[in-house]
Amino acid sequence: MKAHQAGGIKDNPSADELILEGHKLYCEQAPEPNDVDWEFLHVTTKKKIEVRIKAWSISIAFMIGCFIMIWVLSILTDKMNDRV
């Protein structure tokens, strides 16, 4: 008692019957449209990782530079206060 559609394809094939040109097919639920980063879909994951590492490196270098500048300015301020 198998129901067939036109072309011989079953309405509800079992997991063992999902084969196309000798390759087993797997079905999984698609992500929600809001979960896909549509703007950067054309960029590879490797490139995204490289850009993130570069951005983190620049941010950390900038923060270290600001810390050193504040530290030097506080030392200069202390020296100027000692002279006065």
C-alpha atoms as a PDB file:
ATOM      1  CA  MET A   1       0.000   0.000   0.000  1.00  0.00           C
ATOM      2  CA  LYS A   2       2.401   2.686  -1.252  1.00  0.00           C
ATOM      3  CA  ALA A   3       1.098   6.053  -2.400  1.00  0.00           C
ATOM      4  CA  HIS A   4       3.061   7.457  -5.328  1.00  0.00           C
ATOM      5  CA  GLN A   5       3.083  10.886  -6.892  1.00  0.00           C
ATOM      6  CA  ALA A   6       3.698  11.556 -10.554  1.00  0.00           C
ATOM      7  CA  GLY A   7       7.169  10.443 -11.602  1.00  0.00           C
ATOM      8  CA  GLY A   8       7.309   7.562  -9.108  1.00  0.00           C
ATOM      9  CA  ILE A   9       8.342   9.614  -6.053  1.00  0.00           C
ATOM     10  CA  LYS A  10       6.788   8.522  -2.757  1.00  0.00           C
ATOM     11  CA  ASP A  11       4.846  10.960  -0.632  1.00  0.00           C
ATOM     12  CA  ASN A  12       6.671  10.048   2.611  1.00  0.00           C
ATOM     13  CA  PRO A  13       9.914   8.199   1.870  1.00  0.00           C
ATOM     14  CA  SER A  14      11.797   6.613   4.785  1.00  0.00           C
ATOM     15  CA  ALA A  15      15.349   7.692   5.681  1.00  0.00           C
ATOM     16  CA  ASP A  16      16.776   4.677   3.819  1.00  0.00           C
ATOM     17  CA  GLU A  17      14.969   5.664   0.638  1.00  0.00           C
ATOM     18  CA  LEU A  18      16.390   9.202   0.388  1.00  0.00           C
ATOM     19  CA  ILE A  19      19.032   8.443  -2.249  1.00  0.00           C
ATOM     20  CA  LEU A  20      19.795  10.554  -5.316  1.00  0.00           C
ATOM     21  CA  GLU A  21      22.240   9.340  -7.968  1.00  0.00           C
ATOM     22  CA  GLY A  22      23.856   6.964  -5.472  1.00  0.00           C
ATOM     23  CA  HIS A  23      24.283   9.589  -2.732  1.00  0.00           C
ATOM     24  CA  LYS A  24      22.335   9.371   0.512  1.00  0.00           C
ATOM     25  CA  LEU A  25      20.399  12.548   1.249  1.00  0.00           C
ATOM     26  CA  TYR A  26      20.061  14.065   4.698  1.00  0.00           C
ATOM     27  CA  CYS A  27      17.408  16.564   5.670  1.00  0.00           C
ATOM     28  CA  GLU A  28      17.821  19.099   8.429  1.00  0.00           C
ATOM     29  CA  GLN A  29      15.830  22.101   9.491  1.00  0.00           C
ATOM     30  CA  ALA A  30      16.952  25.355   7.895  1.00  0.00           C
ATOM     31  CA  PRO A  31      18.072  28.217  10.178  1.00  0.00           C
ATOM     32  CA  GLU A  32      15.742  31.102  10.849  1.00  0.00           C
ATOM     33  CA  PRO A  33      16.287  34.006   8.405  1.00  0.00           C
ATOM     34  CA  ASN A  34      17.401  36.280  11.255  1.00  0.00           C
ATOM     35  CA  ASP A  35      20.099  33.754  12.247  1.00  0.00           C
ATOM     36  CA  VAL A  36      21.865  34.068   8.882  1.00  0.00           C
ATOM     37  CA  ASP A  37      24.386  36.885   8.410  1.00  0.00           C
ATOM     38  CA  TRP A  38      23.112  37.889   4.964  1.00  0.00           C
ATOM     39  CA  GLU A  39      25.401  40.908   4.629  1.00  0.00           C
ATOM     40  CA  PHE A  40      28.616  38.854   4.782  1.00  0.00           C
ATOM     41  CA  LEU A  41      27.327  35.641   3.202  1.00  0.00           C
ATOM     42  CA  HIS A  42      29.904  35.927   0.403  1.00  0.00           C
ATOM     43  CA  VAL A  43      32.856  36.118   2.870  1.00  0.00           C
ATOM     44  CA  THR A  44      34.515  32.840   3.860  1.00  0.00           C
ATOM     45  CA  THR A  45      34.733  31.813   7.510  1.00  0.00           C
ATOM     46  CA  LYS A  46      38.547  31.873   7.315  1.00  0.00           C
ATOM     47  CA  LYS A  47      38.503  35.504   6.155  1.00  0.00           C
ATOM     48  CA  LYS A  48      36.043  36.443   8.929  1.00  0.00           C
ATOM     49  CA  ILE A  49      38.363  34.899  11.532  1.00  0.00           C
ATOM     50  CA  GLU A  50      41.387  36.724  10.094  1.00  0.00           C
ATOM     51  CA  VAL A  51      39.568  40.063  10.173  1.00  0.00           C
ATOM     52  CA  ARG A  52      38.360  39.493  13.755  1.00  0.00           C
ATOM     53  CA  ILE A  53      41.883  38.641  14.931  1.00  0.00           C
ATOM     54  CA  LYS A  54      43.248  41.746  13.191  1.00  0.00           C
ATOM     55  CA  ALA A  55      40.523  43.937  14.732  1.00  0.00           C
ATOM     56  CA  TRP A  56      41.172  42.504  18.222  1.00  0.00           C
ATOM     57  CA  SER A  57      44.911  43.068  17.800  1.00  0.00           C
ATOM     58  CA  ILE A  58      44.399  46.690  16.756  1.00  0.00           C
ATOM     59  CA  SER A  59      41.973  47.279  19.651  1.00  0.00           C
ATOM     60  CA  ILE A  60      44.352  45.779  22.206  1.00  0.00           C
ATOM     61  CA  ALA A  61      47.297  47.764  20.793  1.00  0.00           C
ATOM     62  CA  PHE A  62      45.228  50.958  20.976  1.00  0.00           C
ATOM     63  CA  MET A  63      44.213  50.242  24.594  1.00  0.00           C
ATOM     64  CA  ILE A  64      47.822  49.515  25.574  1.00  0.00           C
ATOM     65  CA  GLY A  65      48.932  52.750  23.868  1.00  0.00           C
ATOM     66  CA  CYS A  66      46.288  54.733  25.759  1.00  0.00           C
ATOM     67  CA  PHE A  67      47.283  53.080  29.034  1.00  0.00           C
ATOM     68  CA  ILE A  68      50.958  53.944  28.480  1.00  0.00           C
ATOM     69  CA  MET A  69      50.086  57.542  27.539  1.00  0.00           C
ATOM     70  CA  ILE A  70      47.959  57.984  30.676  1.00  0.00           C
ATOM     71  CA  TRP A  71      50.699  56.394  32.803  1.00  0.00           C
ATOM     72  CA  VAL A  72      53.391  58.712  31.343  1.00  0.00           C
ATOM     73  CA  LEU A  73      51.176  61.760  31.785  1.00  0.00           C
ATOM     74  CA  SER A  74      50.488  60.831  35.417  1.00  0.00           C
ATOM     75  CA  ILE A  75      54.255  60.499  36.056  1.00  0.00           C
ATOM     76  CA  LEU A  76      54.872  63.887  34.401  1.00  0.00           C
ATOM     77  CA  THR A  77      52.097  65.436  36.475  1.00  0.00           C
ATOM     78  CA  ASP A  78      53.638  64.074  39.680  1.00  0.00           C
ATOM     79  CA  LYS A  79      57.058  65.486  38.720  1.00  0.00           C
ATOM     80  CA  MET A  80      55.559  68.901  37.914  1.00  0.00           C
ATOM     81  CA  ASN A  81      53.707  68.907  41.256  1.00  0.00           C
ATOM     82  CA  ASP A  82      56.923  68.038  43.093  1.00  0.00           C
ATOM     83  CA  ARG A  83      58.715  71.012  41.492  1.00  0.00           C
ATOM     84  CA  VAL A  84      55.985  73.421  42.538  1.00  0.00           C
END
